[in-house]
Amino acid sequence: MNRILGTLRATKGWRTLAVSLAISVAGALQSTDWTTLVPEDRVGPVMVGIGVLMAVLRVVTDGPVGGKGG
């Protein structure tokens, strides 16, 4: 719990901006017609590709999530 509170204190001044950005991104993603970007027959391979990319990134990075360094 102390770690969470410390993180919240460290983000003072950025929280409102971060929430505003998250809401804006969510709105843009929601209004996007994904069928025009990824054809229906390619959804499976695209999702597998995204999963593989994320796994590779986790393997090649060694820093903690949200941490600096590496």
PDB file of N, CA and C in Angstrom:
ATOM      1  N   MET A   1       0.824  -1.191   0.000  1.00  0.00           N
ATOM      2  CA  MET A   1       0.000   0.000   0.000  1.00  0.00           C
ATOM      3  C   MET A   1       0.867   1.253   0.000  1.00  0.00           C
ATOM      4  N   ASN A   2       1.976   1.220   0.751  1.00  0.00           N
ATOM      5  CA  ASN A   2       2.886   2.365   0.781  1.00  0.00           C
ATOM      6  C   ASN A   2       3.482   2.645  -0.592  1.00  0.00           C
ATOM      7  N   ARG A   3       3.726   1.577  -1.339  1.00  0.00           N
ATOM      8  CA  ARG A   3       4.274   1.733  -2.687  1.00  0.00           C
ATOM      9  C   ARG A   3       3.281   2.460  -3.587  1.00  0.00           C
ATOM     10  N   ILE A   4       2.003   2.111  -3.469  1.00  0.00           N
ATOM     11  CA  ILE A   4       0.961   2.766  -4.264  1.00  0.00           C
ATOM     12  C   ILE A   4       0.857   4.238  -3.885  1.00  0.00           C
ATOM     13  N   LEU A   5       0.848   4.514  -2.588  1.00  0.00           N
ATOM     14  CA  LEU A   5       0.758   5.904  -2.134  1.00  0.00           C
ATOM     15  C   LEU A   5       1.975   6.709  -2.579  1.00  0.00           C
ATOM     16  N   GLY A   6       3.141   6.098  -2.534  1.00  0.00           N
ATOM     17  CA  GLY A   6       4.355   6.771  -2.999  1.00  0.00           C
ATOM     18  C   GLY A   6       4.291   7.092  -4.482  1.00  0.00           C
ATOM     19  N   THR A   7       3.760   6.152  -5.246  1.00  0.00           N
ATOM     20  CA  THR A   7       3.606   6.374  -6.682  1.00  0.00           C
ATOM     21  C   THR A   7       2.622   7.498  -6.952  1.00  0.00           C
ATOM     22  N   LEU A   8       1.522   7.506  -6.217  1.00  0.00           N
ATOM     23  CA  LEU A   8       0.537   8.576  -6.397  1.00  0.00           C
ATOM     24  C   LEU A   8       1.134   9.941  -6.061  1.00  0.00           C
ATOM     25  N   ARG A   9       1.930  10.002  -5.023  1.00  0.00           N
ATOM     26  CA  ARG A   9       2.577  11.273  -4.657  1.00  0.00           C
ATOM     27  C   ARG A   9       3.570  11.707  -5.736  1.00  0.00           C
ATOM     28  N   ALA A  10       4.282  10.751  -6.298  1.00  0.00           N
ATOM     29  CA  ALA A  10       5.285  11.065  -7.319  1.00  0.00           C
ATOM     30  C   ALA A  10       4.655  11.566  -8.615  1.00  0.00           C
ATOM     31  N   THR A  11       3.405  11.208  -8.847  1.00  0.00           N
ATOM     32  CA  THR A  11       2.741  11.628 -10.084  1.00  0.00           C
ATOM     33  C   THR A  11       1.925  12.898  -9.910  1.00  0.00           C
ATOM     34  N   LYS A  12       2.072  13.556  -8.785  1.00  0.00           N
ATOM     35  CA  LYS A  12       1.327  14.792  -8.533  1.00  0.00           C
ATOM     36  C   LYS A  12       1.615  15.784  -9.656  1.00  0.00           C
ATOM     37  N   GLY A  13       0.567  16.363 -10.173  1.00  0.00           N
ATOM     38  CA  GLY A  13       0.715  17.302 -11.270  1.00  0.00           C
ATOM     39  C   GLY A  13       0.537  16.658 -12.633  1.00  0.00           C
ATOM     40  N   TRP A  14       0.601  15.339 -12.701  1.00  0.00           N
ATOM     41  CA  TRP A  14       0.460  14.621 -13.967  1.00  0.00           C
ATOM     42  C   TRP A  14      -0.807  13.782 -14.027  1.00  0.00           C
ATOM     43  N   ARG A  15      -1.438  13.529 -12.895  1.00  0.00           N
ATOM     44  CA  ARG A  15      -2.584  12.613 -12.867  1.00  0.00           C
ATOM     45  C   ARG A  15      -3.738  13.094 -13.730  1.00  0.00           C
ATOM     46  N   THR A  16      -4.123  14.360 -13.607  1.00  0.00           N
ATOM     47  CA  THR A  16      -5.249  14.872 -14.383  1.00  0.00           C
ATOM     48  C   THR A  16      -4.939  14.803 -15.870  1.00  0.00           C
ATOM     49  N   LEU A  17      -3.726  15.159 -16.242  1.00  0.00           N
ATOM     50  CA  LEU A  17      -3.324  15.087 -17.638  1.00  0.00           C
ATOM     51  C   LEU A  17      -3.360  13.644 -18.141  1.00  0.00           C
ATOM     52  N   ALA A  18      -2.897  12.709 -17.333  1.00  0.00           N
ATOM     53  CA  ALA A  18      -2.891  11.298 -17.724  1.00  0.00           C
ATOM     54  C   ALA A  18      -4.307  10.769 -17.908  1.00  0.00           C
ATOM     55  N   VAL A  19      -5.211  11.126 -17.009  1.00  0.00           N
ATOM     56  CA  VAL A  19      -6.606  10.681 -17.135  1.00  0.00           C
ATOM     57  C   VAL A  19      -7.241  11.296 -18.374  1.00  0.00           C
ATOM     58  N   SER A  20      -6.983  12.566 -18.622  1.00  0.00           N
ATOM     59  CA  SER A  20      -7.524  13.226 -19.813  1.00  0.00           C
ATOM     60  C   SER A  20      -7.018  12.554 -21.082  1.00  0.00           C
ATOM     61  N   LEU A  21      -5.744  12.236 -21.109  1.00  0.00           N
ATOM     62  CA  LEU A  21      -5.167  11.560 -22.263  1.00  0.00           C
ATOM     63  C   LEU A  21      -5.779  10.176 -22.453  1.00  0.00           C
ATOM     64  N   ALA A  22      -5.949   9.441 -21.366  1.00  0.00           N
ATOM     65  CA  ALA A  22      -6.538   8.101 -21.444  1.00  0.00           C
ATOM     66  C   ALA A  22      -7.968   8.157 -21.981  1.00  0.00           C
ATOM     67  N   ILE A  23      -8.744   9.134 -21.538  1.00  0.00           N
ATOM     68  CA  ILE A  23     -10.121   9.268 -22.015  1.00  0.00           C
ATOM     69  C   ILE A  23     -10.131   9.640 -23.497  1.00  0.00           C
ATOM     70  N   SER A  24      -9.229  10.515 -23.905  1.00  0.00           N
ATOM     71  CA  SER A  24      -9.145  10.902 -25.313  1.00  0.00           C
ATOM     72  C   SER A  24      -8.780   9.714 -26.195  1.00  0.00           C
ATOM     73  N   VAL A  25      -7.799   8.943 -25.756  1.00  0.00           N
ATOM     74  CA  VAL A  25      -7.379   7.765 -26.522  1.00  0.00           C
ATOM     75  C   VAL A  25      -8.509   6.749 -26.597  1.00  0.00           C
ATOM     76  N   ALA A  26      -9.196   6.519 -25.482  1.00  0.00           N
ATOM     77  CA  ALA A  26     -10.319   5.572 -25.473  1.00  0.00           C
ATOM     78  C   ALA A  26     -11.403   6.022 -26.447  1.00  0.00           C
ATOM     79  N   GLY A  27     -11.696   7.307 -26.479  1.00  0.00           N
ATOM     80  CA  GLY A  27     -12.694   7.823 -27.415  1.00  0.00           C
ATOM     81  C   GLY A  27     -12.275   7.640 -28.857  1.00  0.00           C
ATOM     82  N   ALA A  28     -11.006   7.899 -29.152  1.00  0.00           N
ATOM     83  CA  ALA A  28     -10.510   7.723 -30.518  1.00  0.00           C
ATOM     84  C   ALA A  28     -10.550   6.254 -30.925  1.00  0.00           C
ATOM     85  N   LEU A  29     -10.154   5.376 -30.021  1.00  0.00           N
ATOM     86  CA  LEU A  29     -10.180   3.944 -30.334  1.00  0.00           C
ATOM     87  C   LEU A  29     -11.603   3.443 -30.532  1.00  0.00           C
ATOM     88  N   GLN A  30     -12.524   3.956 -29.732  1.00  0.00           N
ATOM     89  CA  GLN A  30     -13.916   3.529 -29.826  1.00  0.00           C
ATOM     90  C   GLN A  30     -14.550   3.975 -31.139  1.00  0.00           C
ATOM     91  N   SER A  31     -14.156   5.131 -31.639  1.00  0.00           N
ATOM     92  CA  SER A  31     -14.773   5.647 -32.856  1.00  0.00           C
ATOM     93  C   SER A  31     -14.101   5.132 -34.127  1.00  0.00           C
ATOM     94  N   THR A  32     -13.023   4.375 -33.983  1.00  0.00           N
ATOM     95  CA  THR A  32     -12.317   3.838 -35.145  1.00  0.00           C
ATOM     96  C   THR A  32     -13.061   2.635 -35.704  1.00  0.00           C
ATOM     97  N   ASP A  33     -13.199   2.611 -37.018  1.00  0.00           N
ATOM     98  CA  ASP A  33     -13.807   1.457 -37.687  1.00  0.00           C
ATOM     99  C   ASP A  33     -12.693   0.451 -37.973  1.00  0.00           C
ATOM    100  N   TRP A  34     -12.499  -0.467 -37.040  1.00  0.00           N
ATOM    101  CA  TRP A  34     -11.380  -1.400 -37.123  1.00  0.00           C
ATOM    102  C   TRP A  34     -11.461  -2.328 -38.326  1.00  0.00           C
ATOM    103  N   THR A  35     -12.663  -2.550 -38.858  1.00  0.00           N
ATOM    104  CA  THR A  35     -12.786  -3.433 -40.021  1.00  0.00           C
ATOM    105  C   THR A  35     -12.132  -2.823 -41.251  1.00  0.00           C
ATOM    106  N   THR A  36     -11.951  -1.508 -41.278  1.00  0.00           N
ATOM    107  CA  THR A  36     -11.255  -0.894 -42.410  1.00  0.00           C
ATOM    108  C   THR A  36      -9.738  -0.985 -42.244  1.00  0.00           C
ATOM    109  N   LEU A  37      -9.270  -1.200 -41.038  1.00  0.00           N
ATOM    110  CA  LEU A  37      -7.832  -1.295 -40.793  1.00  0.00           C
ATOM    111  C   LEU A  37      -7.322  -2.730 -40.849  1.00  0.00           C
ATOM    112  N   VAL A  38      -8.091  -3.654 -40.309  1.00  0.00           N
ATOM    113  CA  VAL A  38      -7.700  -5.064 -40.287  1.00  0.00           C
ATOM    114  C   VAL A  38      -8.833  -5.874 -40.904  1.00  0.00           C
ATOM    115  N   PRO A  39      -8.589  -6.447 -42.092  1.00  0.00           N
ATOM    116  CA  PRO A  39      -9.635  -7.267 -42.715  1.00  0.00           C
ATOM    117  C   PRO A  39     -10.008  -8.453 -41.822  1.00  0.00           C
ATOM    118  N   GLU A  40     -11.250  -8.881 -41.920  1.00  0.00           N
ATOM    119  CA  GLU A  40     -11.772  -9.935 -41.047  1.00  0.00           C
ATOM    120  C   GLU A  40     -10.940 -11.207 -41.105  1.00  0.00           C
ATOM    121  N   ASP A  41     -10.439 -11.563 -42.288  1.00  0.00           N
ATOM    122  CA  ASP A  41      -9.663 -12.799 -42.414  1.00  0.00           C
ATOM    123  C   ASP A  41      -8.245 -12.674 -41.846  1.00  0.00           C
ATOM    124  N   ARG A  42      -7.829 -11.471 -41.461  1.00  0.00           N
ATOM    125  CA  ARG A  42      -6.486 -11.251 -40.916  1.00  0.00           C
ATOM    126  C   ARG A  42      -6.472 -10.991 -39.413  1.00  0.00           C
ATOM    127  N   VAL A  43      -7.628 -10.945 -38.785  1.00  0.00           N
ATOM    128  CA  VAL A  43      -7.696 -10.614 -37.359  1.00  0.00           C
ATOM    129  C   VAL A  43      -6.887 -11.609 -36.524  1.00  0.00           C
ATOM    130  N   GLY A  44      -7.034 -12.889 -36.784  1.00  0.00           N
ATOM    131  CA  GLY A  44      -6.301 -13.915 -36.029  1.00  0.00           C
ATOM    132  C   GLY A  44      -4.797 -13.734 -36.110  1.00  0.00           C
ATOM    133  N   PRO A  45      -4.236 -13.690 -37.334  1.00  0.00           N
ATOM    134  CA  PRO A  45      -2.787 -13.491 -37.444  1.00  0.00           C
ATOM    135  C   PRO A  45      -2.299 -12.178 -36.827  1.00  0.00           C
ATOM    136  N   VAL A  46      -3.078 -11.123 -36.940  1.00  0.00           N
ATOM    137  CA  VAL A  46      -2.683  -9.844 -36.340  1.00  0.00           C
ATOM    138  C   VAL A  46      -2.629  -9.975 -34.823  1.00  0.00           C
ATOM    139  N   MET A  47      -3.623 -10.619 -34.223  1.00  0.00           N
ATOM    140  CA  MET A  47      -3.637 -10.786 -32.770  1.00  0.00           C
ATOM    141  C   MET A  47      -2.472 -11.654 -32.305  1.00  0.00           C
ATOM    142  N   VAL A  48      -2.161 -12.713 -33.047  1.00  0.00           N
ATOM    143  CA  VAL A  48      -1.011 -13.558 -32.707  1.00  0.00           C
ATOM    144  C   VAL A  48       0.275 -12.741 -32.809  1.00  0.00           C
ATOM    145  N   GLY A  49       0.386 -11.938 -33.857  1.00  0.00           N
ATOM    146  CA  GLY A  49       1.569 -11.093 -34.033  1.00  0.00           C
ATOM    147  C   GLY A  49       1.757 -10.114 -32.888  1.00  0.00           C
ATOM    148  N   ILE A  50       0.673  -9.510 -32.438  1.00  0.00           N
ATOM    149  CA  ILE A  50       0.749  -8.580 -31.314  1.00  0.00           C
ATOM    150  C   ILE A  50       1.208  -9.314 -30.053  1.00  0.00           C
ATOM    151  N   GLY A  51       0.655 -10.497 -29.824  1.00  0.00           N
ATOM    152  CA  GLY A  51       1.058 -11.286 -28.653  1.00  0.00           C
ATOM    153  C   GLY A  51       2.523 -11.672 -28.693  1.00  0.00           C
ATOM    154  N   VAL A  52       2.999 -12.102 -29.861  1.00  0.00           N
ATOM    155  CA  VAL A  52       4.409 -12.475 -30.012  1.00  0.00           C
ATOM    156  C   VAL A  52       5.302 -11.254 -29.798  1.00  0.00           C
ATOM    157  N   LEU A  53       4.911 -10.118 -30.365  1.00  0.00           N
ATOM    158  CA  LEU A  53       5.686  -8.891 -30.185  1.00  0.00           C
ATOM    159  C   LEU A  53       5.805  -8.521 -28.710  1.00  0.00           C
ATOM    160  N   MET A  54       4.710  -8.608 -27.980  1.00  0.00           N
ATOM    161  CA  MET A  54       4.743  -8.275 -26.553  1.00  0.00           C
ATOM    162  C   MET A  54       5.632  -9.246 -25.783  1.00  0.00           C
ATOM    163  N   ALA A  55       5.579 -10.535 -26.131  1.00  0.00           N
ATOM    164  CA  ALA A  55       6.427 -11.527 -25.466  1.00  0.00           C
ATOM    165  C   ALA A  55       7.902 -11.258 -25.755  1.00  0.00           C
ATOM    166  N   VAL A  56       8.222 -10.922 -26.993  1.00  0.00           N
ATOM    167  CA  VAL A  56       9.609 -10.615 -27.358  1.00  0.00           C
ATOM    168  C   VAL A  56      10.097  -9.384 -26.598  1.00  0.00           C
ATOM    169  N   LEU A  57       9.263  -8.356 -26.526  1.00  0.00           N
ATOM    170  CA  LEU A  57       9.651  -7.158 -25.782  1.00  0.00           C
ATOM    171  C   LEU A  57       9.907  -7.470 -24.312  1.00  0.00           C
ATOM    172  N   ARG A  58       9.102  -8.341 -23.723  1.00  0.00           N
ATOM    173  CA  ARG A  58       9.300  -8.703 -22.314  1.00  0.00           C
ATOM    174  C   ARG A  58      10.620  -9.448 -22.136  1.00  0.00           C
ATOM    175  N   VAL A  59      10.997 -10.264 -23.121  1.00  0.00           N
ATOM    176  CA  VAL A  59      12.238 -11.032 -23.028  1.00  0.00           C
ATOM    177  C   VAL A  59      13.458 -10.122 -23.183  1.00  0.00           C
ATOM    178  N   VAL A  60      13.410  -9.176 -24.113  1.00  0.00           N
ATOM    179  CA  VAL A  60      14.588  -8.350 -24.385  1.00  0.00           C
ATOM    180  C   VAL A  60      14.730  -7.170 -23.433  1.00  0.00           C
ATOM    181  N   THR A  61      13.701  -6.858 -22.668  1.00  0.00           N
ATOM    182  CA  THR A  61      13.826  -5.792 -21.677  1.00  0.00           C
ATOM    183  C   THR A  61      14.017  -6.423 -20.306  1.00  0.00           C
ATOM    184  N   ASP A  62      14.828  -5.779 -19.481  1.00  0.00           N
ATOM    185  CA  ASP A  62      15.094  -6.369 -18.174  1.00  0.00           C
ATOM    186  C   ASP A  62      14.736  -5.446 -17.014  1.00  0.00           C
ATOM    187  N   GLY A  63      14.233  -4.281 -17.316  1.00  0.00           N
ATOM    188  CA  GLY A  63      13.860  -3.356 -16.251  1.00  0.00           C
ATOM    189  C   GLY A  63      12.488  -3.677 -15.695  1.00  0.00           C
ATOM    190  N   PRO A  64      12.219  -3.202 -14.501  1.00  0.00           N
ATOM    191  CA  PRO A  64      10.893  -3.415 -13.924  1.00  0.00           C
ATOM    192  C   PRO A  64       9.841  -2.596 -14.665  1.00  0.00           C
ATOM    193  N   VAL A  65       8.628  -3.044 -14.629  1.00  0.00           N
ATOM    194  CA  VAL A  65       7.543  -2.329 -15.278  1.00  0.00           C
ATOM    195  C   VAL A  65       7.438  -0.943 -14.658  1.00  0.00           C
ATOM    196  N   GLY A  66       7.471   0.080 -15.491  1.00  0.00           N
ATOM    197  CA  GLY A  66       7.370   1.446 -15.014  1.00  0.00           C
ATOM    198  C   GLY A  66       8.650   2.005 -14.424  1.00  0.00           C
ATOM    199  N   GLY A  67       9.707   1.209 -14.395  1.00  0.00           N
ATOM    200  CA  GLY A  67      10.954   1.661 -13.793  1.00  0.00           C
ATOM    201  C   GLY A  67      11.910   2.254 -14.809  1.00  0.00           C
ATOM    202  N   LYS A  68      12.906   2.962 -14.323  1.00  0.00           N
ATOM    203  CA  LYS A  68      13.931   3.540 -15.183  1.00  0.00           C
ATOM    204  C   LYS A  68      15.141   2.624 -15.193  1.00  0.00           C
ATOM    205  N   GLY A  69      15.968   2.813 -16.164  1.00  0.00           N
ATOM    206  CA  GLY A  69      17.209   2.049 -16.214  1.00  0.00           C
ATOM    207  C   GLY A  69      17.222   1.050 -17.337  1.00  0.00           C
ATOM    208  N   GLY A  70      18.187   0.157 -17.285  1.00  0.00           N
ATOM    209  CA  GLY A  70      18.268  -0.894 -18.264  1.00  0.00           C
ATOM    210  C   GLY A  70      19.125  -0.513 -19.374  1.00  0.00           C
TER     211      GLY A  70
END
